[in-house]
Amino acid sequence: MEFSFIDLTEVNSTEAAVGQVESLYSRKPVFAVPYVGVLGVAAVVGTFGNLVVIITMILKHFYWRQRRAGTINDAGRAFIANLALSDIIVTAVINPLAIAGL
């Protein structure tokens, strides 16, 4: 059994324009099944992990504000929260759409 990179990327532009392109699953199920599995696990674990980070940042913000004023780097906390939020968008929205598109 021989696999080449050309087999996975070979798409005629006119076929793509009219939606007649075969999915990866119908062409190469050997590649599609692990792809769906990895993206599915990444979506669940990534979404859960980033929600934990955001909840921790919120709780820590309120707890530390009451205990010690001015000891936490606000720019660092904002960076981590924005990074977790953007990562949630990828794991909760983009990964499931990629799976559905397969």
PDB file of N, CA and C in Angstrom:
ATOM      1  N   MET A   1       0.845  -1.160   0.000  1.00  0.00           N
ATOM      2  CA  MET A   1       0.000   0.000   0.000  1.00  0.00           C
ATOM      3  C   MET A   1       0.896   1.229   0.000  1.00  0.00           C
ATOM      4  N   GLU A   2       0.700   2.097  -0.958  1.00  0.00           N
ATOM      5  CA  GLU A   2       1.556   3.271  -1.105  1.00  0.00           C
ATOM      6  C   GLU A   2       0.732   4.544  -0.962  1.00  0.00           C
ATOM      7  N   PHE A   3       1.173   5.429  -0.088  1.00  0.00           N
ATOM      8  CA  PHE A   3       0.517   6.707   0.119  1.00  0.00           C
ATOM      9  C   PHE A   3       1.473   7.811  -0.282  1.00  0.00           C
ATOM     10  N   SER A   4       0.951   8.762  -0.993  1.00  0.00           N
ATOM     11  CA  SER A   4       1.790   9.905  -1.345  1.00  0.00           C
ATOM     12  C   SER A   4       1.060  11.183  -0.937  1.00  0.00           C
ATOM     13  N   PHE A   5       1.834  12.221  -0.763  1.00  0.00           N
ATOM     14  CA  PHE A   5       1.271  13.505  -0.373  1.00  0.00           C
ATOM     15  C   PHE A   5       0.355  14.055  -1.460  1.00  0.00           C
ATOM     16  N   ILE A   6       0.632  13.756  -2.699  1.00  0.00           N
ATOM     17  CA  ILE A   6      -0.175  14.247  -3.825  1.00  0.00           C
ATOM     18  C   ILE A   6      -1.596  13.693  -3.740  1.00  0.00           C
ATOM     19  N   ASP A   7      -1.750  12.441  -3.276  1.00  0.00           N
ATOM     20  CA  ASP A   7      -3.081  11.838  -3.181  1.00  0.00           C
ATOM     21  C   ASP A   7      -3.996  12.615  -2.236  1.00  0.00           C
ATOM     22  N   LEU A   8      -3.434  13.195  -1.177  1.00  0.00           N
ATOM     23  CA  LEU A   8      -4.254  13.898  -0.194  1.00  0.00           C
ATOM     24  C   LEU A   8      -4.593  15.323  -0.613  1.00  0.00           C
ATOM     25  N   THR A   9      -3.774  15.930  -1.434  1.00  0.00           N
ATOM     26  CA  THR A   9      -3.975  17.337  -1.772  1.00  0.00           C
ATOM     27  C   THR A   9      -4.455  17.557  -3.197  1.00  0.00           C
ATOM     28  N   GLU A  10      -4.637  16.500  -3.950  1.00  0.00           N
ATOM     29  CA  GLU A  10      -4.997  16.632  -5.356  1.00  0.00           C
ATOM     30  C   GLU A  10      -6.496  16.918  -5.504  1.00  0.00           C
ATOM     31  N   VAL A  11      -6.839  18.159  -5.804  1.00  0.00           N
ATOM     32  CA  VAL A  11      -8.228  18.565  -5.972  1.00  0.00           C
ATOM     33  C   VAL A  11      -8.301  19.486  -7.181  1.00  0.00           C
ATOM     34  N   ASN A  12      -9.205  19.182  -8.074  1.00  0.00           N
ATOM     35  CA  ASN A  12      -9.414  20.037  -9.227  1.00  0.00           C
ATOM     36  C   ASN A  12     -10.224  21.257  -8.787  1.00  0.00           C
ATOM     37  N   SER A  13      -9.829  22.443  -9.195  1.00  0.00           N
ATOM     38  CA  SER A  13     -10.502  23.656  -8.725  1.00  0.00           C
ATOM     39  C   SER A  13     -11.941  23.740  -9.223  1.00  0.00           C
ATOM     40  N   THR A  14     -12.241  23.214 -10.394  1.00  0.00           N
ATOM     41  CA  THR A  14     -13.630  23.252 -10.875  1.00  0.00           C
ATOM     42  C   THR A  14     -14.507  22.298 -10.075  1.00  0.00           C
ATOM     43  N   GLU A  15     -13.953  21.155  -9.671  1.00  0.00           N
ATOM     44  CA  GLU A  15     -14.711  20.239  -8.824  1.00  0.00           C
ATOM     45  C   GLU A  15     -14.979  20.857  -7.459  1.00  0.00           C
ATOM     46  N   ALA A  16     -14.003  21.569  -6.924  1.00  0.00           N
ATOM     47  CA  ALA A  16     -14.168  22.212  -5.629  1.00  0.00           C
ATOM     48  C   ALA A  16     -15.202  23.321  -5.698  1.00  0.00           C
ATOM     49  N   ALA A  17     -15.282  24.013  -6.819  1.00  0.00           N
ATOM     50  CA  ALA A  17     -16.227  25.118  -6.957  1.00  0.00           C
ATOM     51  C   ALA A  17     -17.672  24.622  -6.963  1.00  0.00           C
ATOM     52  N   VAL A  18     -17.924  23.462  -7.519  1.00  0.00           N
ATOM     53  CA  VAL A  18     -19.289  22.950  -7.580  1.00  0.00           C
ATOM     54  C   VAL A  18     -19.583  21.948  -6.468  1.00  0.00           C
ATOM     55  N   GLY A  19     -18.623  21.713  -5.576  1.00  0.00           N
ATOM     56  CA  GLY A  19     -18.858  20.844  -4.435  1.00  0.00           C
ATOM     57  C   GLY A  19     -18.827  19.374  -4.740  1.00  0.00           C
ATOM     58  N   GLN A  20     -18.116  18.945  -5.772  1.00  0.00           N
ATOM     59  CA  GLN A  20     -18.061  17.541  -6.151  1.00  0.00           C
ATOM     60  C   GLN A  20     -16.799  16.850  -5.641  1.00  0.00           C
ATOM     61  N   VAL A  21     -16.123  17.443  -4.712  1.00  0.00           N
ATOM     62  CA  VAL A  21     -14.897  16.865  -4.186  1.00  0.00           C
ATOM     63  C   VAL A  21     -15.252  15.804  -3.150  1.00  0.00           C
ATOM     64  N   GLU A  22     -14.594  14.656  -3.232  1.00  0.00           N
ATOM     65  CA  GLU A  22     -14.822  13.599  -2.251  1.00  0.00           C
ATOM     66  C   GLU A  22     -14.158  13.987  -0.944  1.00  0.00           C
ATOM     67  N   SER A  23     -14.755  13.562   0.149  1.00  0.00           N
ATOM     68  CA  SER A  23     -14.172  13.860   1.457  1.00  0.00           C
ATOM     69  C   SER A  23     -12.954  12.976   1.694  1.00  0.00           C
ATOM     70  N   LEU A  24     -12.172  13.361   2.680  1.00  0.00           N
ATOM     71  CA  LEU A  24     -11.002  12.577   3.043  1.00  0.00           C
ATOM     72  C   LEU A  24     -11.419  11.189   3.507  1.00  0.00           C
ATOM     73  N   TYR A  25     -12.552  11.092   4.189  1.00  0.00           N
ATOM     74  CA  TYR A  25     -13.013   9.789   4.678  1.00  0.00           C
ATOM     75  C   TYR A  25     -13.331   8.840   3.539  1.00  0.00           C
ATOM     76  N   SER A  26     -13.946   9.331   2.468  1.00  0.00           N
ATOM     77  CA  SER A  26     -14.275   8.450   1.353  1.00  0.00           C
ATOM     78  C   SER A  26     -13.045   8.105   0.520  1.00  0.00           C
ATOM     79  N   ARG A  27     -12.046   8.997   0.525  1.00  0.00           N
ATOM     80  CA  ARG A  27     -10.840   8.708  -0.241  1.00  0.00           C
ATOM     81  C   ARG A  27      -9.826   7.900   0.561  1.00  0.00           C
ATOM     82  N   LYS A  28      -9.550   8.295   1.778  1.00  0.00           N
ATOM     83  CA  LYS A  28      -8.530   7.651   2.610  1.00  0.00           C
ATOM     84  C   LYS A  28      -9.035   7.502   4.044  1.00  0.00           C
ATOM     85  N   PRO A  29      -9.856   6.499   4.341  1.00  0.00           N
ATOM     86  CA  PRO A  29     -10.354   6.348   5.714  1.00  0.00           C
ATOM     87  C   PRO A  29      -9.248   6.053   6.717  1.00  0.00           C
ATOM     88  N   VAL A  30      -8.105   5.568   6.250  1.00  0.00           N
ATOM     89  CA  VAL A  30      -6.982   5.301   7.151  1.00  0.00           C
ATOM     90  C   VAL A  30      -6.497   6.593   7.802  1.00  0.00           C
ATOM     91  N   PHE A  31      -6.564   7.696   7.079  1.00  0.00           N
ATOM     92  CA  PHE A  31      -6.157   8.985   7.620  1.00  0.00           C
ATOM     93  C   PHE A  31      -7.302   9.708   8.320  1.00  0.00           C
ATOM     94  N   ALA A  32      -8.519   9.484   7.899  1.00  0.00           N
ATOM     95  CA  ALA A  32      -9.656  10.227   8.429  1.00  0.00           C
ATOM     96  C   ALA A  32     -10.008   9.813   9.857  1.00  0.00           C
ATOM     97  N   VAL A  33      -9.939   8.538  10.159  1.00  0.00           N
ATOM     98  CA  VAL A  33     -10.336   8.058  11.486  1.00  0.00           C
ATOM     99  C   VAL A  33      -9.402   8.598  12.578  1.00  0.00           C
ATOM    100  N   PRO A  34      -8.080   8.511  12.434  1.00  0.00           N
ATOM    101  CA  PRO A  34      -7.228   9.120  13.470  1.00  0.00           C
ATOM    102  C   PRO A  34      -7.370  10.638  13.540  1.00  0.00           C
ATOM    103  N   TYR A  35      -7.623  11.263  12.402  1.00  0.00           N
ATOM    104  CA  TYR A  35      -7.809  12.715  12.361  1.00  0.00           C
ATOM    105  C   TYR A  35      -9.012  13.127  13.203  1.00  0.00           C
ATOM    106  N   VAL A  36     -10.116  12.425  13.040  1.00  0.00           N
ATOM    107  CA  VAL A  36     -11.323  12.717  13.817  1.00  0.00           C
ATOM    108  C   VAL A  36     -11.082  12.422  15.299  1.00  0.00           C
ATOM    109  N   GLY A  37     -10.389  11.337  15.592  1.00  0.00           N
ATOM    110  CA  GLY A  37     -10.110  10.996  16.982  1.00  0.00           C
ATOM    111  C   GLY A  37      -9.238  12.029  17.675  1.00  0.00           C
ATOM    112  N   VAL A  38      -8.185  12.463  17.014  1.00  0.00           N
ATOM    113  CA  VAL A  38      -7.281  13.446  17.614  1.00  0.00           C
ATOM    114  C   VAL A  38      -7.986  14.786  17.789  1.00  0.00           C
ATOM    115  N   LEU A  39      -8.723  15.231  16.776  1.00  0.00           N
ATOM    116  CA  LEU A  39      -9.436  16.508  16.900  1.00  0.00           C
ATOM    117  C   LEU A  39     -10.541  16.442  17.956  1.00  0.00           C
ATOM    118  N   GLY A  40     -11.205  15.309  18.062  1.00  0.00           N
ATOM    119  CA  GLY A  40     -12.245  15.164  19.081  1.00  0.00           C
ATOM    120  C   GLY A  40     -11.679  15.236  20.492  1.00  0.00           C
ATOM    121  N   VAL A  41     -10.589  14.524  20.725  1.00  0.00           N
ATOM    122  CA  VAL A  41      -9.955  14.562  22.047  1.00  0.00           C
ATOM    123  C   VAL A  41      -9.415  15.958  22.333  1.00  0.00           C
ATOM    124  N   ALA A  42      -8.786  16.581  21.334  1.00  0.00           N
ATOM    125  CA  ALA A  42      -8.244  17.930  21.519  1.00  0.00           C
ATOM    126  C   ALA A  42      -9.352  18.935  21.824  1.00  0.00           C
ATOM    127  N   ALA A  43     -10.511  18.771  21.196  1.00  0.00           N
ATOM    128  CA  ALA A  43     -11.623  19.690  21.440  1.00  0.00           C
ATOM    129  C   ALA A  43     -12.133  19.575  22.875  1.00  0.00           C
ATOM    130  N   VAL A  44     -12.293  18.354  23.346  1.00  0.00           N
ATOM    131  CA  VAL A  44     -12.825  18.152  24.699  1.00  0.00           C
ATOM    132  C   VAL A  44     -11.814  18.576  25.765  1.00  0.00           C
ATOM    133  N   VAL A  45     -10.588  18.097  25.648  1.00  0.00           N
ATOM    134  CA  VAL A  45      -9.564  18.394  26.650  1.00  0.00           C
ATOM    135  C   VAL A  45      -9.201  19.875  26.627  1.00  0.00           C
ATOM    136  N   GLY A  46      -9.064  20.445  25.428  1.00  0.00           N
ATOM    137  CA  GLY A  46      -8.703  21.856  25.314  1.00  0.00           C
ATOM    138  C   GLY A  46      -9.771  22.783  25.865  1.00  0.00           C
ATOM    139  N   THR A  47     -11.023  22.486  25.567  1.00  0.00           N
ATOM    140  CA  THR A  47     -12.106  23.315  26.080  1.00  0.00           C
ATOM    141  C   THR A  47     -12.177  23.238  27.604  1.00  0.00           C
ATOM    142  N   PHE A  48     -12.098  22.026  28.144  1.00  0.00           N
ATOM    143  CA  PHE A  48     -12.138  21.865  29.597  1.00  0.00           C
ATOM    144  C   PHE A  48     -10.954  22.556  30.267  1.00  0.00           C
ATOM    145  N   GLY A  49      -9.765  22.363  29.742  1.00  0.00           N
ATOM    146  CA  GLY A  49      -8.573  22.968  30.330  1.00  0.00           C
ATOM    147  C   GLY A  49      -8.606  24.482  30.303  1.00  0.00           C
ATOM    148  N   ASN A  50      -9.053  25.055  29.217  1.00  0.00           N
ATOM    149  CA  ASN A  50      -9.111  26.509  29.120  1.00  0.00           C
ATOM    150  C   ASN A  50     -10.213  27.096  29.988  1.00  0.00           C
ATOM    151  N   LEU A  51     -11.311  26.380  30.147  1.00  0.00           N
ATOM    152  CA  LEU A  51     -12.333  26.844  31.081  1.00  0.00           C
ATOM    153  C   LEU A  51     -11.806  26.848  32.508  1.00  0.00           C
ATOM    154  N   VAL A  52     -11.022  25.841  32.865  1.00  0.00           N
ATOM    155  CA  VAL A  52     -10.411  25.799  34.194  1.00  0.00           C
ATOM    156  C   VAL A  52      -9.472  26.986  34.384  1.00  0.00           C
ATOM    157  N   VAL A  53      -8.680  27.319  33.366  1.00  0.00           N
ATOM    158  CA  VAL A  53      -7.759  28.455  33.450  1.00  0.00           C
ATOM    159  C   VAL A  53      -8.528  29.760  33.646  1.00  0.00           C
ATOM    160  N   ILE A  54      -9.593  29.958  32.879  1.00  0.00           N
ATOM    161  CA  ILE A  54     -10.358  31.202  32.982  1.00  0.00           C
ATOM    162  C   ILE A  54     -11.051  31.299  34.345  1.00  0.00           C
ATOM    163  N   ILE A  55     -11.644  30.204  34.810  1.00  0.00           N
ATOM    164  CA  ILE A  55     -12.302  30.223  36.120  1.00  0.00           C
ATOM    165  C   ILE A  55     -11.277  30.479  37.219  1.00  0.00           C
ATOM    166  N   THR A  56     -10.111  29.872  37.105  1.00  0.00           N
ATOM    167  CA  THR A  56      -9.058  30.101  38.090  1.00  0.00           C
ATOM    168  C   THR A  56      -8.606  31.557  38.094  1.00  0.00           C
ATOM    169  N   MET A  57      -8.462  32.148  36.913  1.00  0.00           N
ATOM    170  CA  MET A  57      -8.046  33.549  36.828  1.00  0.00           C
ATOM    171  C   MET A  57      -9.091  34.469  37.456  1.00  0.00           C
ATOM    172  N   ILE A  58     -10.356  34.175  37.228  1.00  0.00           N
ATOM    173  CA  ILE A  58     -11.422  35.009  37.801  1.00  0.00           C
ATOM    174  C   ILE A  58     -11.447  34.874  39.328  1.00  0.00           C
ATOM    175  N   LEU A  59     -11.405  33.637  39.814  1.00  0.00           N
ATOM    176  CA  LEU A  59     -11.426  33.431  41.270  1.00  0.00           C
ATOM    177  C   LEU A  59     -10.191  34.019  41.936  1.00  0.00           C
ATOM    178  N   LYS A  60      -9.045  33.849  41.311  1.00  0.00           N
ATOM    179  CA  LYS A  60      -7.814  34.390  41.884  1.00  0.00           C
ATOM    180  C   LYS A  60      -7.835  35.913  41.895  1.00  0.00           C
ATOM    181  N   HIS A  61      -8.448  36.489  40.873  1.00  0.00           N
ATOM    182  CA  HIS A  61      -8.548  37.952  40.800  1.00  0.00           C
ATOM    183  C   HIS A  61      -9.311  38.497  42.007  1.00  0.00           C
ATOM    184  N   PHE A  62     -10.463  37.917  42.294  1.00  0.00           N
ATOM    185  CA  PHE A  62     -11.264  38.405  43.415  1.00  0.00           C
ATOM    186  C   PHE A  62     -10.624  38.070  44.760  1.00  0.00           C
ATOM    187  N   TYR A  63     -10.020  36.894  44.867  1.00  0.00           N
ATOM    188  CA  TYR A  63      -9.396  36.505  46.132  1.00  0.00           C
ATOM    189  C   TYR A  63      -8.176  37.378  46.426  1.00  0.00           C
ATOM    190  N   TRP A  64      -7.312  37.574  45.461  1.00  0.00           N
ATOM    191  CA  TRP A  64      -6.087  38.344  45.684  1.00  0.00           C
ATOM    192  C   TRP A  64      -6.363  39.829  45.828  1.00  0.00           C
ATOM    193  N   ARG A  65      -7.411  40.327  45.215  1.00  0.00           N
ATOM    194  CA  ARG A  65      -7.744  41.747  45.368  1.00  0.00           C
ATOM    195  C   ARG A  65      -8.111  42.060  46.813  1.00  0.00           C
ATOM    196  N   GLN A  66      -8.789  41.125  47.461  1.00  0.00           N
ATOM    197  CA  GLN A  66      -9.182  41.348  48.846  1.00  0.00           C
ATOM    198  C   GLN A  66      -8.007  41.155  49.810  1.00  0.00           C
ATOM    199  N   ARG A  67      -7.107  40.244  49.509  1.00  0.00           N
ATOM    200  CA  ARG A  67      -6.016  39.908  50.423  1.00  0.00           C
ATOM    201  C   ARG A  67      -4.832  40.868  50.298  1.00  0.00           C
ATOM    202  N   ARG A  68      -4.334  41.045  49.065  1.00  0.00           N
ATOM    203  CA  ARG A  68      -3.143  41.870  48.858  1.00  0.00           C
ATOM    204  C   ARG A  68      -3.347  42.748  47.641  1.00  0.00           C
ATOM    205  N   ALA A  69      -3.404  44.001  47.845  1.00  0.00           N
ATOM    206  CA  ALA A  69      -3.610  44.929  46.732  1.00  0.00           C
ATOM    207  C   ALA A  69      -2.288  45.191  46.017  1.00  0.00           C
ATOM    208  N   GLY A  70      -2.317  45.062  44.695  1.00  0.00           N
ATOM    209  CA  GLY A  70      -1.172  45.448  43.882  1.00  0.00           C
ATOM    210  C   GLY A  70      -0.053  44.436  43.761  1.00  0.00           C
ATOM    211  N   THR A  71      -0.241  43.191  44.163  1.00  0.00           N
ATOM    212  CA  THR A  71       0.847  42.222  44.070  1.00  0.00           C
ATOM    213  C   THR A  71       0.786  41.359  42.822  1.00  0.00           C
ATOM    214  N   ILE A  72      -0.323  41.380  42.103  1.00  0.00           N
ATOM    215  CA  ILE A  72      -0.459  40.542  40.909  1.00  0.00           C
ATOM    216  C   ILE A  72      -0.269  41.401  39.672  1.00  0.00           C
ATOM    217  N   ASN A  73       0.459  40.873  38.726  1.00  0.00           N
ATOM    218  CA  ASN A  73       0.706  41.566  37.481  1.00  0.00           C
ATOM    219  C   ASN A  73      -0.562  41.535  36.624  1.00  0.00           C
ATOM    220  N   ASP A  74      -1.217  42.681  36.485  1.00  0.00           N
ATOM    221  CA  ASP A  74      -2.473  42.745  35.732  1.00  0.00           C
ATOM    222  C   ASP A  74      -2.274  42.455  34.255  1.00  0.00           C
ATOM    223  N   ALA A  75      -1.154  42.895  33.683  1.00  0.00           N
ATOM    224  CA  ALA A  75      -0.899  42.639  32.266  1.00  0.00           C
ATOM    225  C   ALA A  75      -0.706  41.147  32.006  1.00  0.00           C
ATOM    226  N   GLY A  76      -0.024  40.473  32.895  1.00  0.00           N
ATOM    227  CA  GLY A  76       0.174  39.032  32.742  1.00  0.00           C
ATOM    228  C   GLY A  76      -1.119  38.264  32.859  1.00  0.00           C
ATOM    229  N   ARG A  77      -1.955  38.674  33.812  1.00  0.00           N
ATOM    230  CA  ARG A  77      -3.247  38.014  33.978  1.00  0.00           C
ATOM    231  C   ARG A  77      -4.132  38.238  32.762  1.00  0.00           C
ATOM    232  N   ALA A  78      -4.123  39.450  32.210  1.00  0.00           N
ATOM    233  CA  ALA A  78      -4.917  39.737  31.014  1.00  0.00           C
ATOM    234  C   ALA A  78      -4.411  38.943  29.818  1.00  0.00           C
ATOM    235  N   PHE A  79      -3.103  38.792  29.706  1.00  0.00           N
ATOM    236  CA  PHE A  79      -2.542  38.010  28.598  1.00  0.00           C
ATOM    237  C   PHE A  79      -2.964  36.554  28.686  1.00  0.00           C
ATOM    238  N   ILE A  80      -2.868  35.957  29.867  1.00  0.00           N
ATOM    239  CA  ILE A  80      -3.245  34.556  30.038  1.00  0.00           C
ATOM    240  C   ILE A  80      -4.740  34.364  29.786  1.00  0.00           C
ATOM    241  N   ALA A  81      -5.561  35.283  30.258  1.00  0.00           N
ATOM    242  CA  ALA A  81      -7.008  35.176  30.038  1.00  0.00           C
ATOM    243  C   ALA A  81      -7.352  35.307  28.561  1.00  0.00           C
ATOM    244  N   ASN A  82      -6.716  36.232  27.856  1.00  0.00           N
ATOM    245  CA  ASN A  82      -6.971  36.377  26.421  1.00  0.00           C
ATOM    246  C   ASN A  82      -6.484  35.170  25.643  1.00  0.00           C
ATOM    247  N   LEU A  83      -5.359  34.616  26.034  1.00  0.00           N
ATOM    248  CA  LEU A  83      -4.848  33.425  25.373  1.00  0.00           C
ATOM    249  C   LEU A  83      -5.780  32.234  25.590  1.00  0.00           C
ATOM    250  N   ALA A  84      -6.292  32.079  26.801  1.00  0.00           N
ATOM    251  CA  ALA A  84      -7.231  30.991  27.085  1.00  0.00           C
ATOM    252  C   ALA A  84      -8.544  31.189  26.327  1.00  0.00           C
ATOM    253  N   LEU A  85      -8.999  32.425  26.221  1.00  0.00           N
ATOM    254  CA  LEU A  85     -10.237  32.702  25.488  1.00  0.00           C
ATOM    255  C   LEU A  85     -10.085  32.398  23.999  1.00  0.00           C
ATOM    256  N   SER A  86      -8.979  32.803  23.419  1.00  0.00           N
ATOM    257  CA  SER A  86      -8.766  32.507  21.996  1.00  0.00           C
ATOM    258  C   SER A  86      -8.598  31.011  21.769  1.00  0.00           C
ATOM    259  N   ASP A  87      -7.990  30.312  22.712  1.00  0.00           N
ATOM    260  CA  ASP A  87      -7.841  28.872  22.596  1.00  0.00           C
ATOM    261  C   ASP A  87      -9.181  28.162  22.735  1.00  0.00           C
ATOM    262  N   ILE A  88     -10.084  28.691  23.557  1.00  0.00           N
ATOM    263  CA  ILE A  88     -11.428  28.118  23.654  1.00  0.00           C
ATOM    264  C   ILE A  88     -12.162  28.249  22.321  1.00  0.00           C
ATOM    265  N   ILE A  89     -11.982  29.366  21.651  1.00  0.00           N
ATOM    266  CA  ILE A  89     -12.631  29.548  20.342  1.00  0.00           C
ATOM    267  C   ILE A  89     -12.155  28.472  19.370  1.00  0.00           C
ATOM    268  N   VAL A  90     -10.875  28.168  19.401  1.00  0.00           N
ATOM    269  CA  VAL A  90     -10.350  27.127  18.512  1.00  0.00           C
ATOM    270  C   VAL A  90     -10.876  25.757  18.912  1.00  0.00           C
ATOM    271  N   THR A  91     -10.798  25.428  20.192  1.00  0.00           N
ATOM    272  CA  THR A  91     -11.161  24.070  20.600  1.00  0.00           C
ATOM    273  C   THR A  91     -12.659  23.821  20.638  1.00  0.00           C
ATOM    274  N   ALA A  92     -13.455  24.836  20.929  1.00  0.00           N
ATOM    275  CA  ALA A  92     -14.901  24.620  21.055  1.00  0.00           C
ATOM    276  C   ALA A  92     -15.661  24.911  19.765  1.00  0.00           C
ATOM    277  N   VAL A  93     -15.061  25.686  18.857  1.00  0.00           N
ATOM    278  CA  VAL A  93     -15.778  26.064  17.628  1.00  0.00           C
ATOM    279  C   VAL A  93     -15.092  25.494  16.381  1.00  0.00           C
ATOM    280  N   ILE A  94     -13.821  25.788  16.221  1.00  0.00           N
ATOM    281  CA  ILE A  94     -13.132  25.424  14.986  1.00  0.00           C
ATOM    282  C   ILE A  94     -12.911  23.922  14.865  1.00  0.00           C
ATOM    283  N   ASN A  95     -12.449  23.263  15.922  1.00  0.00           N
ATOM    284  CA  ASN A  95     -12.233  21.813  15.844  1.00  0.00           C
ATOM    285  C   ASN A  95     -13.501  21.031  15.535  1.00  0.00           C
ATOM    286  N   PRO A  96     -14.644  21.296  16.197  1.00  0.00           N
ATOM    287  CA  PRO A  96     -15.865  20.573  15.800  1.00  0.00           C
ATOM    288  C   PRO A  96     -16.300  20.872  14.368  1.00  0.00           C
ATOM    289  N   LEU A  97     -16.094  22.104  13.915  1.00  0.00           N
ATOM    290  CA  LEU A  97     -16.432  22.397  12.515  1.00  0.00           C
ATOM    291  C   LEU A  97     -15.522  21.662  11.547  1.00  0.00           C
ATOM    292  N   ALA A  98     -14.261  21.489  11.911  1.00  0.00           N
ATOM    293  CA  ALA A  98     -13.347  20.719  11.072  1.00  0.00           C
ATOM    294  C   ALA A  98     -13.753  19.259  11.018  1.00  0.00           C
ATOM    295  N   ILE A  99     -14.213  18.735  12.150  1.00  0.00           N
ATOM    296  CA  ILE A  99     -14.691  17.352  12.176  1.00  0.00           C
ATOM    297  C   ILE A  99     -15.949  17.206  11.333  1.00  0.00           C
ATOM    298  N   ALA A 100     -16.868  18.155  11.445  1.00  0.00           N
ATOM    299  CA  ALA A 100     -18.105  18.101  10.663  1.00  0.00           C
ATOM    300  C   ALA A 100     -17.815  18.250   9.174  1.00  0.00           C
ATOM    301  N   GLY A 101     -16.811  19.036   8.831  1.00  0.00           N
ATOM    302  CA  GLY A 101     -16.465  19.220   7.425  1.00  0.00           C
ATOM    303  C   GLY A 101     -15.843  17.992   6.806  1.00  0.00           C
ATOM    304  N   LEU A 102     -15.319  17.098   7.632  1.00  0.00           N
ATOM    305  CA  LEU A 102     -14.696  15.879   7.129  1.00  0.00           C
ATOM    306  C   LEU A 102     -15.767  14.942   6.620  1.00  0.00           C
TER     307      LEU A 102
END
